[in-house]
Amino acid sequence: METRHLEFFVAVAEELSFTRAAARQFTVQSTVSAAIRSLEQDLGTPLFERSTKRVALTPAGEALLPAARAAIEAIDTARNSVVETAAGIRGRLRVGIFASLELFDLPVIFGDFHTRYPLVDLQLTASQSGSSGFADDVRRGRLDVAFMGLPLRDLHDLQTLPLATTEIVAVLPSSHALASEASVRLSQLAGEPFVDTPPGFGNRVVLERALAEEGLARTVSTVVSDLGEVPRFVASGLGIALVPGALVVPASGTVVIPLERRIEWMISVVNRENPSPATSALLGLLRERANGASHPPVRV
């Protein structure tokens, strides 16, 4: 039973598609199919039910999946423990990043990491499902580390390094009736059309909980996957927004107003227990940028 075959099996099991699994593993579909056939022959049982419309795990495949994930992780840990020699840290490091994060210059941070640890296979990816998707990816072993905007109470099963905290603010068109106010209440804004990020993004999770606590409902009329683009849509008259203040990219035709109620949004990074040497190295670099993990999160 080859490690690579197990990696292909896990990819197909999670994607439920040989095509997507092949793309995820940077190979061709025929290679993945051949590996799965070899694994099934080795085990003496089918692992997937295949049809022209769907791919599904058989009971044997369901039973193998958690063991396969554990085996891959154990092999990675063993490999990393012996290759960390005088030549430097090696191994693969898969990181989930925000597409737009003004608080931290991610290209510079990861460029610095690559300079320090050139033998690490660094793989950076963004998520269309936001922090919730990233948290699930880390839990399932699809990522080693992920930047995160979910509250700490949602991350109790993961190791968490807080990096920064900022307040949610209102972004309104300059022509809005409340544009000259010193501060605004959630209740004054709930009836407006909103521009926001997709469900599952950490800032949206935090905001919707705050609205629910006050018994308020709202309508999101425009969904934008890049948080930095939200003010431009507000400037176009498509709605208002409530977003983390430190991430607001100024747009002509908008004003930024504090909320009367303080609603905090935290940026952190998460990983599983027993991190690899490469993961530990990245966390160490991020602690440097956040002025030490033993200090309170940086307020911005």
C-alpha atoms as a PDB file:
ATOM      1  CA  MET A   1       0.000   0.000   0.000  1.00  0.00           C
ATOM      2  CA  GLU A   2       1.731   3.178  -1.202  1.00  0.00           C
ATOM      3  CA  THR A   3       1.419   6.530   0.543  1.00  0.00           C
ATOM      4  CA  ARG A   4       0.673   8.238  -2.762  1.00  0.00           C
ATOM      5  CA  HIS A   5      -2.230   5.865  -3.362  1.00  0.00           C
ATOM      6  CA  LEU A   6      -3.662   6.791   0.031  1.00  0.00           C
ATOM      7  CA  GLU A   7      -3.308  10.486  -0.807  1.00  0.00           C
ATOM      8  CA  PHE A   8      -5.209   9.946  -4.067  1.00  0.00           C
ATOM      9  CA  PHE A   9      -7.871   7.971  -2.202  1.00  0.00           C
ATOM     10  CA  VAL A  10      -8.392  10.750   0.364  1.00  0.00           C
ATOM     11  CA  ALA A  11      -8.574  13.367  -2.393  1.00  0.00           C
ATOM     12  CA  VAL A  12     -11.260  11.429  -4.299  1.00  0.00           C
ATOM     13  CA  ALA A  13     -13.170  10.720  -1.069  1.00  0.00           C
ATOM     14  CA  GLU A  14     -13.241  14.408  -0.137  1.00  0.00           C
ATOM     15  CA  GLU A  15     -13.938  15.763  -3.611  1.00  0.00           C
ATOM     16  CA  LEU A  16     -16.224  12.891  -4.713  1.00  0.00           C
ATOM     17  CA  SER A  17     -14.784  13.451  -8.155  1.00  0.00           C
ATOM     18  CA  PHE A  18     -11.811  11.866  -9.887  1.00  0.00           C
ATOM     19  CA  THR A  19     -11.368  14.987 -12.022  1.00  0.00           C
ATOM     20  CA  ARG A  20     -11.265  17.406  -9.084  1.00  0.00           C
ATOM     21  CA  ALA A  21      -9.062  15.021  -7.102  1.00  0.00           C
ATOM     22  CA  ALA A  22      -6.561  14.896  -9.964  1.00  0.00           C
ATOM     23  CA  ALA A  23      -6.454  18.698 -10.176  1.00  0.00           C
ATOM     24  CA  ARG A  24      -5.978  18.919  -6.417  1.00  0.00           C
ATOM     25  CA  GLN A  25      -3.070  16.455  -6.598  1.00  0.00           C
ATOM     26  CA  PHE A  26      -1.533  18.166  -9.647  1.00  0.00           C
ATOM     27  CA  THR A  27      -1.787  15.076 -11.821  1.00  0.00           C
ATOM     28  CA  VAL A  28      -4.039  13.596 -14.498  1.00  0.00           C
ATOM     29  CA  GLN A  29      -7.254  11.664 -13.937  1.00  0.00           C
ATOM     30  CA  SER A  30      -5.879   8.426 -15.391  1.00  0.00           C
ATOM     31  CA  THR A  31      -3.119   8.376 -12.763  1.00  0.00           C
ATOM     32  CA  VAL A  32      -5.639   8.796  -9.951  1.00  0.00           C
ATOM     33  CA  SER A  33      -7.917   6.108 -11.402  1.00  0.00           C
ATOM     34  CA  ALA A  34      -5.020   3.674 -11.731  1.00  0.00           C
ATOM     35  CA  ALA A  35      -3.950   4.325  -8.150  1.00  0.00           C
ATOM     36  CA  ILE A  36      -7.456   3.707  -6.814  1.00  0.00           C
ATOM     37  CA  ARG A  37      -7.739   0.460  -8.803  1.00  0.00           C
ATOM     38  CA  SER A  38      -4.395  -0.671  -7.393  1.00  0.00           C
ATOM     39  CA  LEU A  39      -5.504   0.161  -3.865  1.00  0.00           C
ATOM     40  CA  GLU A  40      -8.788  -1.691  -4.321  1.00  0.00           C
ATOM     41  CA  GLN A  41      -6.922  -4.752  -5.627  1.00  0.00           C
ATOM     42  CA  ASP A  42      -4.544  -4.596  -2.685  1.00  0.00           C
ATOM     43  CA  LEU A  43      -7.437  -4.445  -0.201  1.00  0.00           C
ATOM     44  CA  GLY A  44      -9.643  -6.867  -2.094  1.00  0.00           C
ATOM     45  CA  THR A  45     -12.735  -4.680  -2.081  1.00  0.00           C
ATOM     46  CA  PRO A  46     -14.203  -1.691  -3.967  1.00  0.00           C
ATOM     47  CA  LEU A  47     -13.719   1.660  -2.244  1.00  0.00           C
ATOM     48  CA  PHE A  48     -15.987   3.744  -4.479  1.00  0.00           C
ATOM     49  CA  GLU A  49     -19.291   3.321  -6.252  1.00  0.00           C
ATOM     50  CA  ARG A  50     -18.835   4.849  -9.705  1.00  0.00           C
ATOM     51  CA  SER A  51     -21.433   5.922 -12.235  1.00  0.00           C
ATOM     52  CA  THR A  52     -21.611   8.483 -15.010  1.00  0.00           C
ATOM     53  CA  LYS A  53     -23.346  10.898 -12.635  1.00  0.00           C
ATOM     54  CA  ARG A  54     -21.712  10.432  -9.229  1.00  0.00           C
ATOM     55  CA  VAL A  55     -18.906   8.989  -7.159  1.00  0.00           C
ATOM     56  CA  ALA A  56     -19.661   7.718  -3.647  1.00  0.00           C
ATOM     57  CA  LEU A  57     -17.751   5.854  -0.968  1.00  0.00           C
ATOM     58  CA  THR A  58     -18.621   2.232  -0.322  1.00  0.00           C
ATOM     59  CA  PRO A  59     -18.841   1.053   3.325  1.00  0.00           C
ATOM     60  CA  ALA A  60     -15.257  -0.163   2.974  1.00  0.00           C
ATOM     61  CA  GLY A  61     -14.221   3.263   1.693  1.00  0.00           C
ATOM     62  CA  GLU A  62     -15.980   4.964   4.613  1.00  0.00           C
ATOM     63  CA  ALA A  63     -14.085   2.709   7.013  1.00  0.00           C
ATOM     64  CA  LEU A  64     -10.746   3.379   5.323  1.00  0.00           C
ATOM     65  CA  LEU A  65     -11.013   7.183   5.144  1.00  0.00           C
ATOM     66  CA  PRO A  66     -10.157   8.157   8.753  1.00  0.00           C
ATOM     67  CA  ALA A  67      -7.371   5.567   8.882  1.00  0.00           C
ATOM     68  CA  ALA A  68      -5.956   6.814   5.572  1.00  0.00           C
ATOM     69  CA  ARG A  69      -5.927  10.424   6.819  1.00  0.00           C
ATOM     70  CA  ALA A  70      -4.188   9.351  10.025  1.00  0.00           C
ATOM     71  CA  ALA A  71      -1.635   7.284   8.094  1.00  0.00           C
ATOM     72  CA  ILE A  72      -0.774  10.163   5.760  1.00  0.00           C
ATOM     73  CA  GLU A  73      -0.368  12.560   8.665  1.00  0.00           C
ATOM     74  CA  ALA A  74       1.795  10.063  10.579  1.00  0.00           C
ATOM     75  CA  ILE A  75       4.016   9.514   7.542  1.00  0.00           C
ATOM     76  CA  ASP A  76       4.374  13.275   7.018  1.00  0.00           C
ATOM     77  CA  THR A  77       5.324  13.702  10.674  1.00  0.00           C
ATOM     78  CA  ALA A  78       7.861  10.889  10.488  1.00  0.00           C
ATOM     79  CA  ARG A  79       9.347  12.212   7.267  1.00  0.00           C
ATOM     80  CA  ASN A  80       9.610  15.743   8.626  1.00  0.00           C
ATOM     81  CA  SER A  81      11.276  14.540  11.820  1.00  0.00           C
ATOM     82  CA  VAL A  82      14.167  12.954   9.943  1.00  0.00           C
ATOM     83  CA  VAL A  83      14.681  15.508   7.192  1.00  0.00           C
ATOM     84  CA  GLU A  84      15.029  18.448   9.561  1.00  0.00           C
ATOM     85  CA  THR A  85      18.807  18.374   9.415  1.00  0.00           C
ATOM     86  CA  ALA A  86      21.543  20.924   9.082  1.00  0.00           C
ATOM     87  CA  ALA A  87      20.267  21.528   5.566  1.00  0.00           C
ATOM     88  CA  GLY A  88      17.143  23.096   7.066  1.00  0.00           C
ATOM     89  CA  ILE A  89      13.458  22.382   7.573  1.00  0.00           C
ATOM     90  CA  ARG A  90      11.815  20.464   4.759  1.00  0.00           C
ATOM     91  CA  GLY A  91       8.325  19.207   4.059  1.00  0.00           C
ATOM     92  CA  ARG A  92       5.054  20.485   2.656  1.00  0.00           C
ATOM     93  CA  LEU A  93       3.196  23.426   4.200  1.00  0.00           C
ATOM     94  CA  ARG A  94      -0.359  24.136   2.996  1.00  0.00           C
ATOM     95  CA  VAL A  95      -1.684  27.511   4.137  1.00  0.00           C
ATOM     96  CA  GLY A  96      -5.110  29.080   3.712  1.00  0.00           C
ATOM     97  CA  ILE A  97      -4.835  32.845   3.252  1.00  0.00           C
ATOM     98  CA  PHE A  98      -7.167  35.801   2.840  1.00  0.00           C
ATOM     99  CA  ALA A  99      -7.184  37.258  -0.651  1.00  0.00           C
ATOM    100  CA  SER A 100      -7.160  40.779   0.803  1.00  0.00           C
ATOM    101  CA  LEU A 101      -5.655  41.482   4.220  1.00  0.00           C
ATOM    102  CA  GLU A 102      -4.329  44.999   4.657  1.00  0.00           C
ATOM    103  CA  LEU A 103      -3.302  44.406   8.292  1.00  0.00           C
ATOM    104  CA  PHE A 104      -0.560  41.990   7.307  1.00  0.00           C
ATOM    105  CA  ASP A 105       1.537  42.126   4.174  1.00  0.00           C
ATOM    106  CA  LEU A 106       1.179  38.445   3.333  1.00  0.00           C
ATOM    107  CA  PRO A 107       3.420  38.496   0.227  1.00  0.00           C
ATOM    108  CA  VAL A 108       6.228  39.950   2.359  1.00  0.00           C
ATOM    109  CA  ILE A 109       5.593  37.523   5.237  1.00  0.00           C
ATOM    110  CA  PHE A 110       5.610  34.455   3.019  1.00  0.00           C
ATOM    111  CA  GLY A 111       8.516  35.785   0.993  1.00  0.00           C
ATOM    112  CA  ASP A 112      10.433  36.073   4.265  1.00  0.00           C
ATOM    113  CA  PHE A 113       9.401  32.540   5.205  1.00  0.00           C
ATOM    114  CA  HIS A 114      10.570  31.206   1.843  1.00  0.00           C
ATOM    115  CA  THR A 115      13.917  32.958   2.266  1.00  0.00           C
ATOM    116  CA  ARG A 116      14.389  31.448   5.721  1.00  0.00           C
ATOM    117  CA  TYR A 117      13.162  27.969   4.794  1.00  0.00           C
ATOM    118  CA  PRO A 118      13.742  27.486   1.048  1.00  0.00           C
ATOM    119  CA  LEU A 119      13.406  23.695   1.249  1.00  0.00           C
ATOM    120  CA  VAL A 120       9.773  23.867   2.439  1.00  0.00           C
ATOM    121  CA  ASP A 121       7.203  23.200  -0.285  1.00  0.00           C
ATOM    122  CA  LEU A 122       4.976  26.207   0.466  1.00  0.00           C
ATOM    123  CA  GLN A 123       1.455  26.015  -0.980  1.00  0.00           C
ATOM    124  CA  LEU A 124      -0.854  29.035  -0.499  1.00  0.00           C
ATOM    125  CA  THR A 125      -4.551  28.985  -1.316  1.00  0.00           C
ATOM    126  CA  ALA A 126      -7.589  31.217  -0.880  1.00  0.00           C
ATOM    127  CA  SER A 127     -11.093  29.978  -0.063  1.00  0.00           C
ATOM    128  CA  GLN A 128     -14.447  30.776  -1.614  1.00  0.00           C
ATOM    129  CA  SER A 129     -16.153  29.583   1.586  1.00  0.00           C
ATOM    130  CA  GLY A 130     -14.290  31.890   3.960  1.00  0.00           C
ATOM    131  CA  SER A 131     -13.115  31.133   7.467  1.00  0.00           C
ATOM    132  CA  SER A 132     -15.681  28.397   8.039  1.00  0.00           C
ATOM    133  CA  GLY A 133     -14.360  26.519   5.031  1.00  0.00           C
ATOM    134  CA  PHE A 134     -10.767  27.026   6.149  1.00  0.00           C
ATOM    135  CA  ALA A 135     -11.521  25.711   9.647  1.00  0.00           C
ATOM    136  CA  ASP A 136     -13.031  22.575   8.136  1.00  0.00           C
ATOM    137  CA  ASP A 137     -10.035  22.184   5.811  1.00  0.00           C
ATOM    138  CA  VAL A 138      -7.646  22.286   8.780  1.00  0.00           C
ATOM    139  CA  ARG A 139      -9.756  19.832  10.773  1.00  0.00           C
ATOM    140  CA  ARG A 140      -9.839  17.389   7.855  1.00  0.00           C
ATOM    141  CA  GLY A 141      -6.127  17.722   7.147  1.00  0.00           C
ATOM    142  CA  ARG A 142      -6.509  19.476   3.793  1.00  0.00           C
ATOM    143  CA  LEU A 143      -4.598  22.479   5.177  1.00  0.00           C
ATOM    144  CA  ASP A 144      -1.878  22.717   7.805  1.00  0.00           C
ATOM    145  CA  VAL A 145      -2.449  26.355   8.780  1.00  0.00           C
ATOM    146  CA  ALA A 146      -5.171  28.868   7.962  1.00  0.00           C
ATOM    147  CA  PHE A 147      -5.795  32.536   8.594  1.00  0.00           C
ATOM    148  CA  MET A 148      -9.111  32.896  10.338  1.00  0.00           C
ATOM    149  CA  GLY A 149     -11.829  35.435  11.134  1.00  0.00           C
ATOM    150  CA  LEU A 150     -14.076  33.225  13.267  1.00  0.00           C
ATOM    151  CA  PRO A 151     -14.579  33.816  17.013  1.00  0.00           C
ATOM    152  CA  LEU A 152     -12.367  31.751  19.293  1.00  0.00           C
ATOM    153  CA  ARG A 153     -15.380  29.843  20.641  1.00  0.00           C
ATOM    154  CA  ASP A 154     -15.835  28.350  17.167  1.00  0.00           C
ATOM    155  CA  LEU A 155     -12.238  27.102  17.146  1.00  0.00           C
ATOM    156  CA  HIS A 156     -12.069  25.258  20.477  1.00  0.00           C
ATOM    157  CA  ASP A 157     -10.844  22.058  18.813  1.00  0.00           C
ATOM    158  CA  LEU A 158      -7.945  23.778  17.038  1.00  0.00           C
ATOM    159  CA  GLN A 159      -4.772  25.462  18.217  1.00  0.00           C
ATOM    160  CA  THR A 160      -5.206  29.206  17.764  1.00  0.00           C
ATOM    161  CA  LEU A 161      -2.767  32.102  17.553  1.00  0.00           C
ATOM    162  CA  PRO A 162      -4.553  35.498  17.789  1.00  0.00           C
ATOM    163  CA  LEU A 163      -2.938  38.142  15.606  1.00  0.00           C
ATOM    164  CA  ALA A 164      -5.086  41.281  15.706  1.00  0.00           C
ATOM    165  CA  THR A 165      -8.473  42.620  16.772  1.00  0.00           C
ATOM    166  CA  THR A 166     -10.480  45.397  15.143  1.00  0.00           C
ATOM    167  CA  GLU A 167     -14.004  46.814  15.478  1.00  0.00           C
ATOM    168  CA  ILE A 168     -16.875  46.450  13.020  1.00  0.00           C
ATOM    169  CA  VAL A 169     -17.766  49.820  11.466  1.00  0.00           C
ATOM    170  CA  ALA A 170     -20.505  51.078   9.173  1.00  0.00           C
ATOM    171  CA  VAL A 171     -19.673  52.005   5.581  1.00  0.00           C
ATOM    172  CA  LEU A 172     -22.377  54.260   4.111  1.00  0.00           C
ATOM    173  CA  PRO A 173     -22.800  56.217   0.882  1.00  0.00           C
ATOM    174  CA  SER A 174     -21.837  59.863   1.392  1.00  0.00           C
ATOM    175  CA  SER A 175     -25.419  60.827   0.518  1.00  0.00           C
ATOM    176  CA  HIS A 176     -26.949  58.593   3.211  1.00  0.00           C
ATOM    177  CA  ALA A 177     -29.198  60.272   5.800  1.00  0.00           C
ATOM    178  CA  LEU A 178     -26.918  59.033   8.602  1.00  0.00           C
ATOM    179  CA  ALA A 179     -23.650  59.979   6.886  1.00  0.00           C
ATOM    180  CA  SER A 180     -22.992  62.944   9.214  1.00  0.00           C
ATOM    181  CA  GLU A 181     -23.669  61.068  12.468  1.00  0.00           C
ATOM    182  CA  ALA A 182     -20.853  60.533  14.976  1.00  0.00           C
ATOM    183  CA  SER A 183     -21.981  56.932  15.506  1.00  0.00           C
ATOM    184  CA  VAL A 184     -24.891  54.696  14.534  1.00  0.00           C
ATOM    185  CA  ARG A 185     -26.860  51.834  16.079  1.00  0.00           C
ATOM    186  CA  LEU A 186     -27.473  48.449  14.476  1.00  0.00           C
ATOM    187  CA  SER A 187     -31.208  49.074  14.725  1.00  0.00           C
ATOM    188  CA  GLN A 188     -30.839  52.173  12.535  1.00  0.00           C
ATOM    189  CA  LEU A 189     -29.254  50.121   9.756  1.00  0.00           C
ATOM    190  CA  ALA A 190     -30.978  46.740   9.850  1.00  0.00           C
ATOM    191  CA  GLY A 191     -33.705  47.758   7.403  1.00  0.00           C
ATOM    192  CA  GLU A 192     -31.240  48.769   4.680  1.00  0.00           C
ATOM    193  CA  PRO A 193     -30.028  46.536   1.820  1.00  0.00           C
ATOM    194  CA  PHE A 194     -26.570  45.233   2.701  1.00  0.00           C
ATOM    195  CA  VAL A 195     -23.398  44.567   0.758  1.00  0.00           C
ATOM    196  CA  ASP A 196     -21.552  41.701   2.442  1.00  0.00           C
ATOM    197  CA  THR A 197     -19.270  38.717   1.969  1.00  0.00           C
ATOM    198  CA  PRO A 198     -20.656  35.187   1.435  1.00  0.00           C
ATOM    199  CA  PRO A 199     -22.067  33.082   4.296  1.00  0.00           C
ATOM    200  CA  GLY A 200     -19.281  31.403   6.250  1.00  0.00           C
ATOM    201  CA  PHE A 201     -16.898  34.364   6.114  1.00  0.00           C
ATOM    202  CA  GLY A 202     -15.779  35.219   9.656  1.00  0.00           C
ATOM    203  CA  ASN A 203     -16.823  38.881   9.570  1.00  0.00           C
ATOM    204  CA  ARG A 204     -20.314  37.882   8.462  1.00  0.00           C
ATOM    205  CA  VAL A 205     -20.589  35.227  11.188  1.00  0.00           C
ATOM    206  CA  VAL A 206     -19.676  37.799  13.854  1.00  0.00           C
ATOM    207  CA  LEU A 207     -22.064  40.429  12.485  1.00  0.00           C
ATOM    208  CA  GLU A 208     -25.045  38.117  12.106  1.00  0.00           C
ATOM    209  CA  ARG A 209     -24.659  36.902  15.679  1.00  0.00           C
ATOM    210  CA  ALA A 210     -24.624  40.497  16.891  1.00  0.00           C
ATOM    211  CA  LEU A 211     -27.788  41.250  14.907  1.00  0.00           C
ATOM    212  CA  ALA A 212     -29.488  38.136  16.281  1.00  0.00           C
ATOM    213  CA  GLU A 213     -28.603  39.144  19.849  1.00  0.00           C
ATOM    214  CA  GLU A 214     -30.574  42.355  19.300  1.00  0.00           C
ATOM    215  CA  GLY A 215     -33.428  40.540  17.577  1.00  0.00           C
ATOM    216  CA  LEU A 216     -32.691  42.209  14.251  1.00  0.00           C
ATOM    217  CA  ALA A 217     -32.955  40.822  10.720  1.00  0.00           C
ATOM    218  CA  ARG A 218     -31.512  42.216   7.508  1.00  0.00           C
ATOM    219  CA  THR A 219     -31.370  41.627   3.758  1.00  0.00           C
ATOM    220  CA  VAL A 220     -28.063  41.058   1.973  1.00  0.00           C
ATOM    221  CA  SER A 221     -28.696  42.190  -1.594  1.00  0.00           C
ATOM    222  CA  THR A 222     -25.100  42.110  -2.872  1.00  0.00           C
ATOM    223  CA  VAL A 223     -22.521  39.418  -2.071  1.00  0.00           C
ATOM    224  CA  VAL A 224     -18.828  40.147  -2.733  1.00  0.00           C
ATOM    225  CA  SER A 225     -16.117  37.546  -2.127  1.00  0.00           C
ATOM    226  CA  ASP A 226     -13.345  40.147  -1.716  1.00  0.00           C
ATOM    227  CA  LEU A 227     -13.903  42.143   1.474  1.00  0.00           C
ATOM    228  CA  GLY A 228     -11.728  44.944   0.156  1.00  0.00           C
ATOM    229  CA  GLU A 229     -14.177  45.558  -2.700  1.00  0.00           C
ATOM    230  CA  VAL A 230     -17.217  46.056  -0.446  1.00  0.00           C
ATOM    231  CA  PRO A 231     -16.882  49.887  -0.102  1.00  0.00           C
ATOM    232  CA  ARG A 232     -16.848  50.318  -3.889  1.00  0.00           C
ATOM    233  CA  PHE A 233     -20.199  48.558  -4.136  1.00  0.00           C
ATOM    234  CA  VAL A 234     -21.518  50.761  -1.330  1.00  0.00           C
ATOM    235  CA  ALA A 235     -20.306  53.836  -3.229  1.00  0.00           C
ATOM    236  CA  SER A 236     -22.311  52.648  -6.227  1.00  0.00           C
ATOM    237  CA  GLY A 237     -25.510  52.888  -4.191  1.00  0.00           C
ATOM    238  CA  LEU A 238     -26.137  49.146  -3.910  1.00  0.00           C
ATOM    239  CA  GLY A 239     -26.452  49.159  -0.132  1.00  0.00           C
ATOM    240  CA  ILE A 240     -24.594  49.750   3.107  1.00  0.00           C
ATOM    241  CA  ALA A 241     -22.013  47.565   4.832  1.00  0.00           C
ATOM    242  CA  LEU A 242     -20.788  46.628   8.295  1.00  0.00           C
ATOM    243  CA  VAL A 243     -17.193  45.428   8.033  1.00  0.00           C
ATOM    244  CA  PRO A 244     -14.003  45.210  10.121  1.00  0.00           C
ATOM    245  CA  GLY A 245     -12.637  48.737  10.352  1.00  0.00           C
ATOM    246  CA  ALA A 246      -9.003  47.814   9.783  1.00  0.00           C
ATOM    247  CA  LEU A 247      -9.907  46.112   6.502  1.00  0.00           C
ATOM    248  CA  VAL A 248     -11.872  48.993   4.996  1.00  0.00           C
ATOM    249  CA  VAL A 249     -10.327  50.094   1.711  1.00  0.00           C
ATOM    250  CA  PRO A 250     -11.365  53.759   1.300  1.00  0.00           C
ATOM    251  CA  ALA A 251     -13.662  54.413  -1.641  1.00  0.00           C
ATOM    252  CA  SER A 252     -14.717  57.798  -2.969  1.00  0.00           C
ATOM    253  CA  GLY A 253     -18.366  58.466  -2.212  1.00  0.00           C
ATOM    254  CA  THR A 254     -18.457  56.602   1.128  1.00  0.00           C
ATOM    255  CA  VAL A 255     -18.091  57.473   4.798  1.00  0.00           C
ATOM    256  CA  VAL A 256     -17.000  55.232   7.665  1.00  0.00           C
ATOM    257  CA  ILE A 257     -18.894  55.615  10.956  1.00  0.00           C
ATOM    258  CA  PRO A 258     -18.315  53.802  14.280  1.00  0.00           C
ATOM    259  CA  LEU A 259     -21.077  51.731  15.850  1.00  0.00           C
ATOM    260  CA  GLU A 260     -22.451  52.710  19.244  1.00  0.00           C
ATOM    261  CA  ARG A 261     -22.107  49.072  20.286  1.00  0.00           C
ATOM    262  CA  ARG A 262     -18.572  47.718  20.141  1.00  0.00           C
ATOM    263  CA  ILE A 263     -18.442  44.559  18.003  1.00  0.00           C
ATOM    264  CA  GLU A 264     -14.976  43.039  17.769  1.00  0.00           C
ATOM    265  CA  TRP A 265     -13.581  40.912  14.954  1.00  0.00           C
ATOM    266  CA  MET A 266     -10.386  38.946  15.479  1.00  0.00           C
ATOM    267  CA  ILE A 267      -7.838  37.688  12.981  1.00  0.00           C
ATOM    268  CA  SER A 268      -6.025  34.538  14.059  1.00  0.00           C
ATOM    269  CA  VAL A 269      -4.270  31.542  12.556  1.00  0.00           C
ATOM    270  CA  VAL A 270      -5.205  27.966  13.392  1.00  0.00           C
ATOM    271  CA  ASN A 271      -3.576  24.556  13.123  1.00  0.00           C
ATOM    272  CA  ARG A 272      -4.053  21.041  14.464  1.00  0.00           C
ATOM    273  CA  GLU A 273      -2.214  19.547  17.421  1.00  0.00           C
ATOM    274  CA  ASN A 274       1.339  18.233  16.948  1.00  0.00           C
ATOM    275  CA  PRO A 275       2.338  20.694  14.219  1.00  0.00           C
ATOM    276  CA  SER A 276       5.090  19.803  11.774  1.00  0.00           C
ATOM    277  CA  PRO A 277       8.449  21.636  11.932  1.00  0.00           C
ATOM    278  CA  ALA A 278       7.398  23.754   8.945  1.00  0.00           C
ATOM    279  CA  THR A 279       4.111  24.703  10.637  1.00  0.00           C
ATOM    280  CA  SER A 280       5.935  25.585  13.855  1.00  0.00           C
ATOM    281  CA  ALA A 281       8.387  27.727  11.887  1.00  0.00           C
ATOM    282  CA  LEU A 282       5.572  29.687  10.245  1.00  0.00           C
ATOM    283  CA  LEU A 283       3.796  30.188  13.566  1.00  0.00           C
ATOM    284  CA  GLY A 284       7.047  31.490  15.017  1.00  0.00           C
ATOM    285  CA  LEU A 285       7.377  34.008  12.208  1.00  0.00           C
ATOM    286  CA  LEU A 286       3.773  35.139  12.681  1.00  0.00           C
ATOM    287  CA  ARG A 287       4.366  35.554  16.423  1.00  0.00           C
ATOM    288  CA  GLU A 288       7.226  37.874  15.567  1.00  0.00           C
ATOM    289  CA  ARG A 289       4.882  39.974  13.440  1.00  0.00           C
ATOM    290  CA  ALA A 290       2.183  39.972  16.132  1.00  0.00           C
ATOM    291  CA  ASN A 291       4.675  40.986  18.838  1.00  0.00           C
ATOM    292  CA  GLY A 292       4.584  37.655  20.663  1.00  0.00           C
ATOM    293  CA  ALA A 293       1.846  35.122  21.327  1.00  0.00           C
ATOM    294  CA  SER A 294       1.968  35.794  25.093  1.00  0.00           C
ATOM    295  CA  HIS A 295       0.695  39.335  24.610  1.00  0.00           C
ATOM    296  CA  PRO A 296      -2.955  40.323  24.044  1.00  0.00           C
ATOM    297  CA  PRO A 297      -4.021  40.570  20.411  1.00  0.00           C
ATOM    298  CA  VAL A 298      -2.915  43.774  18.721  1.00  0.00           C
ATOM    299  CA  ARG A 299      -5.816  46.249  18.664  1.00  0.00           C
ATOM    300  CA  VAL A 300      -6.152  48.272  15.500  1.00  0.00           C
END
